[in-house]
Amino acid sequence: MNIALENLEKIPELIDLLNEINLKINNQVESKWLSVKQLIQYIDYSKSTIYKKVDSNEFIQNVHYYRQEKKLIFDKNEIDNWVKGFNQTNNNYENNNLLIDNLLMVS
């Protein structure tokens, strides 16, 4: 295998570029909020399906998404919970009822 001398001279430049790319990747902050477009890519649903879930209250306002004027932003953590089948609102309600029942039984 023969490597041209011109290519060997480019190695320091390539290392600098790789270091720069690595630094950019490490400095990226993962967003807690997703736009509709990002949500489409994240959960692989169509735009119309997402809006149907908003309209039918399957996605709950101020839990799964928030409105900022006409724009919807989705809470990534709540969407993850929704995908996993964990509904925090219902779960908290059930836990509270269980706690009340247990307290009433002790009395």
PDB file of N, CA and C in Angstrom:
ATOM      1  N   MET A   1       0.849  -1.172   0.000  1.00  0.00           N
ATOM      2  CA  MET A   1       0.000   0.000   0.000  1.00  0.00           C
ATOM      3  C   MET A   1       0.898   1.240   0.000  1.00  0.00           C
ATOM      4  N   ASN A   2       0.701   2.094  -0.971  1.00  0.00           N
ATOM      5  CA  ASN A   2       1.480   3.317  -1.080  1.00  0.00           C
ATOM      6  C   ASN A   2       0.612   4.511  -0.684  1.00  0.00           C
ATOM      7  N   ILE A   3       1.167   5.364   0.160  1.00  0.00           N
ATOM      8  CA  ILE A   3       0.473   6.581   0.573  1.00  0.00           C
ATOM      9  C   ILE A   3       1.279   7.761   0.053  1.00  0.00           C
ATOM     10  N   ALA A   4       0.599   8.634  -0.647  1.00  0.00           N
ATOM     11  CA  ALA A   4       1.281   9.797  -1.205  1.00  0.00           C
ATOM     12  C   ALA A   4       1.709  10.728  -0.080  1.00  0.00           C
ATOM     13  N   LEU A   5       2.863  11.331  -0.241  1.00  0.00           N
ATOM     14  CA  LEU A   5       3.426  12.230   0.761  1.00  0.00           C
ATOM     15  C   LEU A   5       2.485  13.396   1.058  1.00  0.00           C
ATOM     16  N   GLU A   6       1.756  13.868   0.037  1.00  0.00           N
ATOM     17  CA  GLU A   6       0.820  14.985   0.250  1.00  0.00           C
ATOM     18  C   GLU A   6      -0.260  14.592   1.260  1.00  0.00           C
ATOM     19  N   ASN A   7      -0.688  13.331   1.228  1.00  0.00           N
ATOM     20  CA  ASN A   7      -1.723  12.863   2.152  1.00  0.00           C
ATOM     21  C   ASN A   7      -1.200  12.772   3.582  1.00  0.00           C
ATOM     22  N   LEU A   8       0.053  12.387   3.744  1.00  0.00           N
ATOM     23  CA  LEU A   8       0.646  12.319   5.083  1.00  0.00           C
ATOM     24  C   LEU A   8       0.722  13.698   5.721  1.00  0.00           C
ATOM     25  N   GLU A   9       0.976  14.698   4.903  1.00  0.00           N
ATOM     26  CA  GLU A   9       1.069  16.063   5.418  1.00  0.00           C
ATOM     27  C   GLU A   9      -0.270  16.594   5.898  1.00  0.00           C
ATOM     28  N   LYS A  10      -1.377  15.989   5.463  1.00  0.00           N
ATOM     29  CA  LYS A  10      -2.720  16.433   5.862  1.00  0.00           C
ATOM     30  C   LYS A  10      -3.177  15.813   7.179  1.00  0.00           C
ATOM     31  N   ILE A  11      -2.422  14.874   7.713  1.00  0.00           N
ATOM     32  CA  ILE A  11      -2.834  14.186   8.949  1.00  0.00           C
ATOM     33  C   ILE A  11      -3.029  15.156  10.117  1.00  0.00           C
ATOM     34  N   PRO A  12      -2.101  16.099  10.383  1.00  0.00           N
ATOM     35  CA  PRO A  12      -2.353  17.038  11.497  1.00  0.00           C
ATOM     36  C   PRO A  12      -3.640  17.853  11.311  1.00  0.00           C
ATOM     37  N   GLU A  13      -3.919  18.248  10.076  1.00  0.00           N
ATOM     38  CA  GLU A  13      -5.156  18.996   9.792  1.00  0.00           C
ATOM     39  C   GLU A  13      -6.382  18.127  10.070  1.00  0.00           C
ATOM     40  N   LEU A  14      -6.322  16.862   9.674  1.00  0.00           N
ATOM     41  CA  LEU A  14      -7.430  15.938   9.914  1.00  0.00           C
ATOM     42  C   LEU A  14      -7.626  15.690  11.417  1.00  0.00           C
ATOM     43  N   ILE A  15      -6.539  15.583  12.151  1.00  0.00           N
ATOM     44  CA  ILE A  15      -6.638  15.401  13.606  1.00  0.00           C
ATOM     45  C   ILE A  15      -7.297  16.616  14.246  1.00  0.00           C
ATOM     46  N   ASP A  16      -6.917  17.818  13.811  1.00  0.00           N
ATOM     47  CA  ASP A  16      -7.537  19.040  14.333  1.00  0.00           C
ATOM     48  C   ASP A  16      -9.039  19.063  14.046  1.00  0.00           C
ATOM     49  N   LEU A  17      -9.413  18.686  12.832  1.00  0.00           N
ATOM     50  CA  LEU A  17     -10.836  18.644  12.474  1.00  0.00           C
ATOM     51  C   LEU A  17     -11.595  17.621  13.313  1.00  0.00           C
ATOM     52  N   LEU A  18     -11.002  16.457  13.521  1.00  0.00           N
ATOM     53  CA  LEU A  18     -11.642  15.437  14.354  1.00  0.00           C
ATOM     54  C   LEU A  18     -11.790  15.903  15.798  1.00  0.00           C
ATOM     55  N   ASN A  19     -10.788  16.574  16.312  1.00  0.00           N
ATOM     56  CA  ASN A  19     -10.870  17.120  17.673  1.00  0.00           C
ATOM     57  C   ASN A  19     -11.961  18.177  17.780  1.00  0.00           C
ATOM     58  N   GLU A  20     -12.079  19.008  16.765  1.00  0.00           N
ATOM     59  CA  GLU A  20     -13.117  20.045  16.740  1.00  0.00           C
ATOM     60  C   GLU A  20     -14.515  19.406  16.712  1.00  0.00           C
ATOM     61  N   ILE A  21     -14.682  18.393  15.896  1.00  0.00           N
ATOM     62  CA  ILE A  21     -15.965  17.689  15.818  1.00  0.00           C
ATOM     63  C   ILE A  21     -16.288  17.023  17.153  1.00  0.00           C
ATOM     64  N   ASN A  22     -15.305  16.388  17.747  1.00  0.00           N
ATOM     65  CA  ASN A  22     -15.492  15.735  19.042  1.00  0.00           C
ATOM     66  C   ASN A  22     -15.898  16.747  20.110  1.00  0.00           C
ATOM     67  N   LEU A  23     -15.275  17.911  20.116  1.00  0.00           N
ATOM     68  CA  LEU A  23     -15.609  18.958  21.072  1.00  0.00           C
ATOM     69  C   LEU A  23     -17.049  19.432  20.882  1.00  0.00           C
ATOM     70  N   LYS A  24     -17.468  19.617  19.642  1.00  0.00           N
ATOM     71  CA  LYS A  24     -18.840  20.046  19.366  1.00  0.00           C
ATOM     72  C   LYS A  24     -19.844  19.001  19.826  1.00  0.00           C
ATOM     73  N   ILE A  25     -19.535  17.742  19.600  1.00  0.00           N
ATOM     74  CA  ILE A  25     -20.441  16.663  20.024  1.00  0.00           C
ATOM     75  C   ILE A  25     -20.549  16.641  21.542  1.00  0.00           C
ATOM     76  N   ASN A  26     -19.450  16.776  22.231  1.00  0.00           N
ATOM     77  CA  ASN A  26     -19.458  16.741  23.692  1.00  0.00           C
ATOM     78  C   ASN A  26     -20.147  17.947  24.312  1.00  0.00           C
ATOM     79  N   ASN A  27     -20.170  19.062  23.598  1.00  0.00           N
ATOM     80  CA  ASN A  27     -20.778  20.276  24.126  1.00  0.00           C
ATOM     81  C   ASN A  27     -22.265  20.411  23.796  1.00  0.00           C
ATOM     82  N   GLN A  28     -22.778  19.497  23.017  1.00  0.00           N
ATOM     83  CA  GLN A  28     -24.197  19.568  22.683  1.00  0.00           C
ATOM     84  C   GLN A  28     -25.022  19.243  23.917  1.00  0.00           C
ATOM     85  N   VAL A  29     -26.088  19.995  24.096  1.00  0.00           N
ATOM     86  CA  VAL A  29     -27.005  19.758  25.195  1.00  0.00           C
ATOM     87  C   VAL A  29     -28.262  19.136  24.610  1.00  0.00           C
ATOM     88  N   GLU A  30     -28.666  18.025  25.200  1.00  0.00           N
ATOM     89  CA  GLU A  30     -29.883  17.386  24.728  1.00  0.00           C
ATOM     90  C   GLU A  30     -31.072  18.182  25.228  1.00  0.00           C
ATOM     91  N   SER A  31     -31.937  18.546  24.329  1.00  0.00           N
ATOM     92  CA  SER A  31     -33.069  19.389  24.662  1.00  0.00           C
ATOM     93  C   SER A  31     -34.166  18.590  25.354  1.00  0.00           C
ATOM     94  N   LYS A  32     -34.764  19.208  26.346  1.00  0.00           N
ATOM     95  CA  LYS A  32     -35.926  18.627  27.033  1.00  0.00           C
ATOM     96  C   LYS A  32     -37.182  18.835  26.201  1.00  0.00           C
ATOM     97  N   TRP A  33     -37.151  19.802  25.315  1.00  0.00           N
ATOM     98  CA  TRP A  33     -38.338  20.184  24.560  1.00  0.00           C
ATOM     99  C   TRP A  33     -38.198  19.797  23.097  1.00  0.00           C
ATOM    100  N   LEU A  34     -39.316  19.331  22.523  1.00  0.00           N
ATOM    101  CA  LEU A  34     -39.349  18.928  21.123  1.00  0.00           C
ATOM    102  C   LEU A  34     -40.422  19.715  20.389  1.00  0.00           C
ATOM    103  N   SER A  35     -40.097  20.167  19.205  1.00  0.00           N
ATOM    104  CA  SER A  35     -41.103  20.764  18.335  1.00  0.00           C
ATOM    105  C   SER A  35     -41.915  19.625  17.711  1.00  0.00           C
ATOM    106  N   VAL A  36     -42.976  19.964  17.007  1.00  0.00           N
ATOM    107  CA  VAL A  36     -43.757  18.944  16.312  1.00  0.00           C
ATOM    108  C   VAL A  36     -42.868  18.199  15.322  1.00  0.00           C
ATOM    109  N   LYS A  37     -42.063  18.935  14.600  1.00  0.00           N
ATOM    110  CA  LYS A  37     -41.169  18.325  13.610  1.00  0.00           C
ATOM    111  C   LYS A  37     -40.192  17.350  14.274  1.00  0.00           C
ATOM    112  N   GLN A  38     -39.631  17.751  15.397  1.00  0.00           N
ATOM    113  CA  GLN A  38     -38.706  16.876  16.118  1.00  0.00           C
ATOM    114  C   GLN A  38     -39.424  15.658  16.697  1.00  0.00           C
ATOM    115  N   LEU A  39     -40.647  15.871  17.168  1.00  0.00           N
ATOM    116  CA  LEU A  39     -41.430  14.758  17.718  1.00  0.00           C
ATOM    117  C   LEU A  39     -41.754  13.734  16.638  1.00  0.00           C
ATOM    118  N   ILE A  40     -42.045  14.206  15.444  1.00  0.00           N
ATOM    119  CA  ILE A  40     -42.304  13.312  14.306  1.00  0.00           C
ATOM    120  C   ILE A  40     -41.109  12.377  14.110  1.00  0.00           C
ATOM    121  N   GLN A  41     -39.921  12.936  14.147  1.00  0.00           N
ATOM    122  CA  GLN A  41     -38.713  12.127  13.971  1.00  0.00           C
ATOM    123  C   GLN A  41     -38.449  11.250  15.188  1.00  0.00           C
ATOM    124  N   TYR A  42     -38.743  11.768  16.365  1.00  0.00           N
ATOM    125  CA  TYR A  42     -38.414  11.068  17.610  1.00  0.00           C
ATOM    126  C   TYR A  42     -39.257   9.810  17.812  1.00  0.00           C
ATOM    127  N   ILE A  43     -40.578   9.911  17.563  1.00  0.00           N
ATOM    128  CA  ILE A  43     -41.430   8.740  17.799  1.00  0.00           C
ATOM    129  C   ILE A  43     -41.956   8.128  16.506  1.00  0.00           C
ATOM    130  N   ASP A  44     -41.551   8.683  15.366  1.00  0.00           N
ATOM    131  CA  ASP A  44     -41.899   8.134  14.057  1.00  0.00           C
ATOM    132  C   ASP A  44     -43.416   8.067  13.847  1.00  0.00           C
ATOM    133  N   TYR A  45     -44.100   9.137  14.213  1.00  0.00           N
ATOM    134  CA  TYR A  45     -45.528   9.292  13.948  1.00  0.00           C
ATOM    135  C   TYR A  45     -45.688  10.397  12.910  1.00  0.00           C
ATOM    136  N   SER A  46     -46.782  10.347  12.187  1.00  0.00           N
ATOM    137  CA  SER A  46     -47.042  11.392  11.205  1.00  0.00           C
ATOM    138  C   SER A  46     -47.512  12.664  11.912  1.00  0.00           C
ATOM    139  N   LYS A  47     -47.430  13.752  11.208  1.00  0.00           N
ATOM    140  CA  LYS A  47     -47.882  15.038  11.747  1.00  0.00           C
ATOM    141  C   LYS A  47     -49.368  14.981  12.076  1.00  0.00           C
ATOM    142  N   SER A  48     -50.152  14.372  11.196  1.00  0.00           N
ATOM    143  CA  SER A  48     -51.595  14.294  11.439  1.00  0.00           C
ATOM    144  C   SER A  48     -51.907  13.436  12.661  1.00  0.00           C
ATOM    145  N   THR A  49     -51.155  12.365  12.877  1.00  0.00           N
ATOM    146  CA  THR A  49     -51.370  11.512  14.057  1.00  0.00           C
ATOM    147  C   THR A  49     -51.066  12.280  15.336  1.00  0.00           C
ATOM    148  N   ILE A  50     -50.008  13.059  15.321  1.00  0.00           N
ATOM    149  CA  ILE A  50     -49.659  13.851  16.504  1.00  0.00           C
ATOM    150  C   ILE A  50     -50.766  14.848  16.818  1.00  0.00           C
ATOM    151  N   TYR A  51     -51.259  15.549  15.794  1.00  0.00           N
ATOM    152  CA  TYR A  51     -52.327  16.522  16.035  1.00  0.00           C
ATOM    153  C   TYR A  51     -53.627  15.838  16.465  1.00  0.00           C
ATOM    154  N   LYS A  52     -53.890  14.628  15.970  1.00  0.00           N
ATOM    155  CA  LYS A  52     -55.070  13.874  16.425  1.00  0.00           C
ATOM    156  C   LYS A  52     -54.948  13.537  17.903  1.00  0.00           C
ATOM    157  N   LYS A  53     -53.757  13.174  18.333  1.00  0.00           N
ATOM    158  CA  LYS A  53     -53.538  12.846  19.739  1.00  0.00           C
ATOM    159  C   LYS A  53     -53.667  14.090  20.619  1.00  0.00           C
ATOM    160  N   VAL A  54     -53.289  15.229  20.097  1.00  0.00           N
ATOM    161  CA  VAL A  54     -53.485  16.488  20.821  1.00  0.00           C
ATOM    162  C   VAL A  54     -54.979  16.803  20.895  1.00  0.00           C
ATOM    163  N   ASP A  55     -55.676  16.700  19.758  1.00  0.00           N
ATOM    164  CA  ASP A  55     -57.108  17.032  19.711  1.00  0.00           C
ATOM    165  C   ASP A  55     -57.957  16.087  20.559  1.00  0.00           C
ATOM    166  N   SER A  56     -57.550  14.824  20.647  1.00  0.00           N
ATOM    167  CA  SER A  56     -58.321  13.833  21.416  1.00  0.00           C
ATOM    168  C   SER A  56     -57.896  13.786  22.885  1.00  0.00           C
ATOM    169  N   ASN A  57     -56.986  14.659  23.271  1.00  0.00           N
ATOM    170  CA  ASN A  57     -56.454  14.725  24.638  1.00  0.00           C
ATOM    171  C   ASN A  57     -55.687  13.479  25.063  1.00  0.00           C
ATOM    172  N   GLU A  58     -55.238  12.689  24.094  1.00  0.00           N
ATOM    173  CA  GLU A  58     -54.332  11.594  24.435  1.00  0.00           C
ATOM    174  C   GLU A  58     -52.991  12.178  24.861  1.00  0.00           C
ATOM    175  N   PHE A  59     -52.568  13.243  24.194  1.00  0.00           N
ATOM    176  CA  PHE A  59     -51.478  14.057  24.683  1.00  0.00           C
ATOM    177  C   PHE A  59     -52.132  15.167  25.500  1.00  0.00           C
ATOM    178  N   ILE A  60     -51.796  15.238  26.766  1.00  0.00           N
ATOM    179  CA  ILE A  60     -52.459  16.152  27.689  1.00  0.00           C
ATOM    180  C   ILE A  60     -51.696  17.472  27.749  1.00  0.00           C
ATOM    181  N   GLN A  61     -52.451  18.554  27.567  1.00  0.00           N
ATOM    182  CA  GLN A  61     -51.828  19.876  27.639  1.00  0.00           C
ATOM    183  C   GLN A  61     -51.299  20.105  29.047  1.00  0.00           C
ATOM    184  N   ASN A  62     -50.157  20.734  29.146  1.00  0.00           N
ATOM    185  CA  ASN A  62     -49.435  21.018  30.383  1.00  0.00           C
ATOM    186  C   ASN A  62     -48.883  19.762  31.055  1.00  0.00           C
ATOM    187  N   VAL A  63     -48.948  18.637  30.364  1.00  0.00           N
ATOM    188  CA  VAL A  63     -48.264  17.423  30.800  1.00  0.00           C
ATOM    189  C   VAL A  63     -47.349  16.974  29.666  1.00  0.00           C
ATOM    190  N   HIS A  64     -47.946  16.560  28.546  1.00  0.00           N
ATOM    191  CA  HIS A  64     -47.172  16.106  27.396  1.00  0.00           C
ATOM    192  C   HIS A  64     -46.709  17.264  26.515  1.00  0.00           C
ATOM    193  N   TYR A  65     -47.508  18.297  26.462  1.00  0.00           N
ATOM    194  CA  TYR A  65     -47.149  19.433  25.603  1.00  0.00           C
ATOM    195  C   TYR A  65     -47.626  20.732  26.229  1.00  0.00           C
ATOM    196  N   TYR A  66     -47.037  21.804  25.739  1.00  0.00           N
ATOM    197  CA  TYR A  66     -47.382  23.161  26.172  1.00  0.00           C
ATOM    198  C   TYR A  66     -47.586  23.998  24.921  1.00  0.00           C
ATOM    199  N   ARG A  67     -48.484  24.942  25.028  1.00  0.00           N
ATOM    200  CA  ARG A  67     -48.725  25.872  23.923  1.00  0.00           C
ATOM    201  C   ARG A  67     -48.004  27.169  24.203  1.00  0.00           C
ATOM    202  N   GLN A  68     -47.277  27.604  23.214  1.00  0.00           N
ATOM    203  CA  GLN A  68     -46.662  28.917  23.270  1.00  0.00           C
ATOM    204  C   GLN A  68     -47.177  29.660  22.052  1.00  0.00           C
ATOM    205  N   GLU A  69     -48.187  30.475  22.303  1.00  0.00           N
ATOM    206  CA  GLU A  69     -48.945  31.126  21.246  1.00  0.00           C
ATOM    207  C   GLU A  69     -49.516  30.032  20.347  1.00  0.00           C
ATOM    208  N   LYS A  70     -49.117  29.955  19.089  1.00  0.00           N
ATOM    209  CA  LYS A  70     -49.656  28.923  18.197  1.00  0.00           C
ATOM    210  C   LYS A  70     -48.757  27.701  18.113  1.00  0.00           C
ATOM    211  N   LYS A  71     -47.612  27.775  18.753  1.00  0.00           N
ATOM    212  CA  LYS A  71     -46.627  26.700  18.650  1.00  0.00           C
ATOM    213  C   LYS A  71     -46.813  25.695  19.790  1.00  0.00           C
ATOM    214  N   LEU A  72     -46.670  24.412  19.459  1.00  0.00           N
ATOM    215  CA  LEU A  72     -46.704  23.358  20.463  1.00  0.00           C
ATOM    216  C   LEU A  72     -45.274  22.908  20.738  1.00  0.00           C
ATOM    217  N   ILE A  73     -44.953  22.748  22.007  1.00  0.00           N
ATOM    218  CA  ILE A  73     -43.671  22.155  22.383  1.00  0.00           C
ATOM    219  C   ILE A  73     -43.973  20.968  23.297  1.00  0.00           C
ATOM    220  N   PHE A  74     -43.257  19.886  23.073  1.00  0.00           N
ATOM    221  CA  PHE A  74     -43.525  18.636  23.776  1.00  0.00           C
ATOM    222  C   PHE A  74     -42.413  18.351  24.772  1.00  0.00           C
ATOM    223  N   ASP A  75     -42.817  17.870  25.937  1.00  0.00           N
ATOM    224  CA  ASP A  75     -41.881  17.490  26.989  1.00  0.00           C
ATOM    225  C   ASP A  75     -41.359  16.089  26.667  1.00  0.00           C
ATOM    226  N   LYS A  76     -40.090  16.001  26.359  1.00  0.00           N
ATOM    227  CA  LYS A  76     -39.504  14.738  25.919  1.00  0.00           C
ATOM    228  C   LYS A  76     -39.662  13.646  26.978  1.00  0.00           C
ATOM    229  N   ASN A  77     -39.487  13.991  28.254  1.00  0.00           N
ATOM    230  CA  ASN A  77     -39.615  12.995  29.320  1.00  0.00           C
ATOM    231  C   ASN A  77     -41.039  12.452  29.411  1.00  0.00           C
ATOM    232  N   GLU A  78     -42.019  13.330  29.290  1.00  0.00           N
ATOM    233  CA  GLU A  78     -43.415  12.884  29.345  1.00  0.00           C
ATOM    234  C   GLU A  78     -43.782  12.060  28.119  1.00  0.00           C
ATOM    235  N   ILE A  79     -43.227  12.412  26.970  1.00  0.00           N
ATOM    236  CA  ILE A  79     -43.467  11.611  25.760  1.00  0.00           C
ATOM    237  C   ILE A  79     -42.851  10.226  25.942  1.00  0.00           C
ATOM    238  N   ASP A  80     -41.662  10.160  26.535  1.00  0.00           N
ATOM    239  CA  ASP A  80     -41.050   8.859  26.820  1.00  0.00           C
ATOM    240  C   ASP A  80     -41.954   8.028  27.730  1.00  0.00           C
ATOM    241  N   ASN A  81     -42.498   8.660  28.764  1.00  0.00           N
ATOM    242  CA  ASN A  81     -43.413   7.957  29.669  1.00  0.00           C
ATOM    243  C   ASN A  81     -44.656   7.477  28.923  1.00  0.00           C
ATOM    244  N   TRP A  82     -45.159   8.322  28.041  1.00  0.00           N
ATOM    245  CA  TRP A  82     -46.346   7.956  27.265  1.00  0.00           C
ATOM    246  C   TRP A  82     -46.058   6.751  26.372  1.00  0.00           C
ATOM    247  N   VAL A  83     -44.907   6.761  25.726  1.00  0.00           N
ATOM    248  CA  VAL A  83     -44.525   5.650  24.846  1.00  0.00           C
ATOM    249  C   VAL A  83     -44.408   4.363  25.660  1.00  0.00           C
ATOM    250  N   LYS A  84     -43.877   4.464  26.870  1.00  0.00           N
ATOM    251  CA  LYS A  84     -43.715   3.290  27.732  1.00  0.00           C
ATOM    252  C   LYS A  84     -45.037   2.836  28.342  1.00  0.00           C
ATOM    253  N   GLY A  85     -46.093   3.651  28.161  1.00  0.00           N
ATOM    254  CA  GLY A  85     -47.393   3.284  28.722  1.00  0.00           C
ATOM    255  C   GLY A  85     -47.578   3.737  30.150  1.00  0.00           C
ATOM    256  N   PHE A  86     -46.700   4.623  30.603  1.00  0.00           N
ATOM    257  CA  PHE A  86     -46.791   5.130  31.971  1.00  0.00           C
ATOM    258  C   PHE A  86     -47.439   6.491  31.944  1.00  0.00           C
ATOM    259  N   ASN A  87     -48.610   6.600  32.542  1.00  0.00           N
ATOM    260  CA  ASN A  87     -49.330   7.863  32.590  1.00  0.00           C
ATOM    261  C   ASN A  87     -49.182   8.427  33.990  1.00  0.00           C
ATOM    262  N   GLN A  88     -48.347   9.426  34.128  1.00  0.00           N
ATOM    263  CA  GLN A  88     -48.035   9.987  35.440  1.00  0.00           C
ATOM    264  C   GLN A  88     -49.280  10.536  36.131  1.00  0.00           C
ATOM    265  N   THR A  89     -50.167  11.162  35.388  1.00  0.00           N
ATOM    266  CA  THR A  89     -51.369  11.737  35.984  1.00  0.00           C
ATOM    267  C   THR A  89     -52.233  10.649  36.597  1.00  0.00           C
ATOM    268  N   ASN A  90     -52.505   9.592  35.845  1.00  0.00           N
ATOM    269  CA  ASN A  90     -53.310   8.499  36.368  1.00  0.00           C
ATOM    270  C   ASN A  90     -52.597   7.774  37.497  1.00  0.00           C
ATOM    271  N   ASN A  91     -51.305   7.595  37.367  1.00  0.00           N
ATOM    272  CA  ASN A  91     -50.544   6.890  38.390  1.00  0.00           C
ATOM    273  C   ASN A  91     -50.566   7.659  39.709  1.00  0.00           C
ATOM    274  N   ASN A  92     -50.405   8.976  39.672  1.00  0.00           N
ATOM    275  CA  ASN A  92     -50.456   9.784  40.889  1.00  0.00           C
ATOM    276  C   ASN A  92     -51.835   9.706  41.529  1.00  0.00           C
ATOM    277  N   TYR A  93     -52.870   9.730  40.730  1.00  0.00           N
ATOM    278  CA  TYR A  93     -54.235   9.631  41.231  1.00  0.00           C
ATOM    279  C   TYR A  93     -54.447   8.298  41.943  1.00  0.00           C
ATOM    280  N   GLU A  94     -53.994   7.211  41.307  1.00  0.00           N
ATOM    281  CA  GLU A  94     -54.133   5.884  41.897  1.00  0.00           C
ATOM    282  C   GLU A  94     -53.312   5.770  43.173  1.00  0.00           C
ATOM    283  N   ASN A  95     -52.108   6.297  43.188  1.00  0.00           N
ATOM    284  CA  ASN A  95     -51.270   6.260  44.388  1.00  0.00           C
ATOM    285  C   ASN A  95     -51.907   7.045  45.526  1.00  0.00           C
ATOM    286  N   ASN A  96     -52.477   8.192  45.222  1.00  0.00           N
ATOM    287  CA  ASN A  96     -53.139   8.990  46.253  1.00  0.00           C
ATOM    288  C   ASN A  96     -54.340   8.255  46.829  1.00  0.00           C
ATOM    289  N   ASN A  97     -55.130   7.619  45.972  1.00  0.00           N
ATOM    290  CA  ASN A  97     -56.286   6.863  46.464  1.00  0.00           C
ATOM    291  C   ASN A  97     -55.848   5.691  47.331  1.00  0.00           C
ATOM    292  N   LEU A  98     -54.786   5.011  46.940  1.00  0.00           N
ATOM    293  CA  LEU A  98     -54.264   3.901  47.721  1.00  0.00           C
ATOM    294  C   LEU A  98     -53.787   4.386  49.081  1.00  0.00           C
ATOM    295  N   LEU A  99     -53.098   5.496  49.115  1.00  0.00           N
ATOM    296  CA  LEU A  99     -52.619   6.083  50.364  1.00  0.00           C
ATOM    297  C   LEU A  99     -53.795   6.444  51.284  1.00  0.00           C
ATOM    298  N   ILE A 100     -54.832   7.052  50.724  1.00  0.00           N
ATOM    299  CA  ILE A 100     -56.015   7.424  51.513  1.00  0.00           C
ATOM    300  C   ILE A 100     -56.693   6.179  52.063  1.00  0.00           C
ATOM    301  N   ASP A 101     -56.852   5.155  51.231  1.00  0.00           N
ATOM    302  CA  ASP A 101     -57.457   3.910  51.681  1.00  0.00           C
ATOM    303  C   ASP A 101     -56.656   3.294  52.827  1.00  0.00           C
ATOM    304  N   ASN A 102     -55.336   3.293  52.683  1.00  0.00           N
ATOM    305  CA  ASN A 102     -54.487   2.731  53.740  1.00  0.00           C
ATOM    306  C   ASN A 102     -54.585   3.529  55.026  1.00  0.00           C
ATOM    307  N   LEU A 103     -54.647   4.835  54.932  1.00  0.00           N
ATOM    308  CA  LEU A 103     -54.790   5.671  56.131  1.00  0.00           C
ATOM    309  C   LEU A 103     -56.136   5.444  56.808  1.00  0.00           C
ATOM    310  N   LEU A 104     -57.184   5.293  56.021  1.00  0.00           N
ATOM    311  CA  LEU A 104     -58.511   5.063  56.591  1.00  0.00           C
ATOM    312  C   LEU A 104     -58.595   3.699  57.278  1.00  0.00           C
ATOM    313  N   MET A 105     -57.865   2.717  56.763  1.00  0.00           N
ATOM    314  CA  MET A 105     -57.874   1.382  57.356  1.00  0.00           C
ATOM    315  C   MET A 105     -57.142   1.374  58.705  1.00  0.00           C
ATOM    316  N   VAL A 106     -56.127   2.230  58.851  1.00  0.00           N
ATOM    317  CA  VAL A 106     -55.361   2.297  60.097  1.00  0.00           C
ATOM    318  C   VAL A 106     -56.179   2.965  61.180  1.00  0.00           C
ATOM    319  N   SER A 107     -56.998   3.927  60.830  1.00  0.00           N
ATOM    320  CA  SER A 107     -57.771   4.690  61.825  1.00  0.00           C
ATOM    321  C   SER A 107     -58.739   3.845  62.576  1.00  0.00           C
TER     322      SER A 107
END
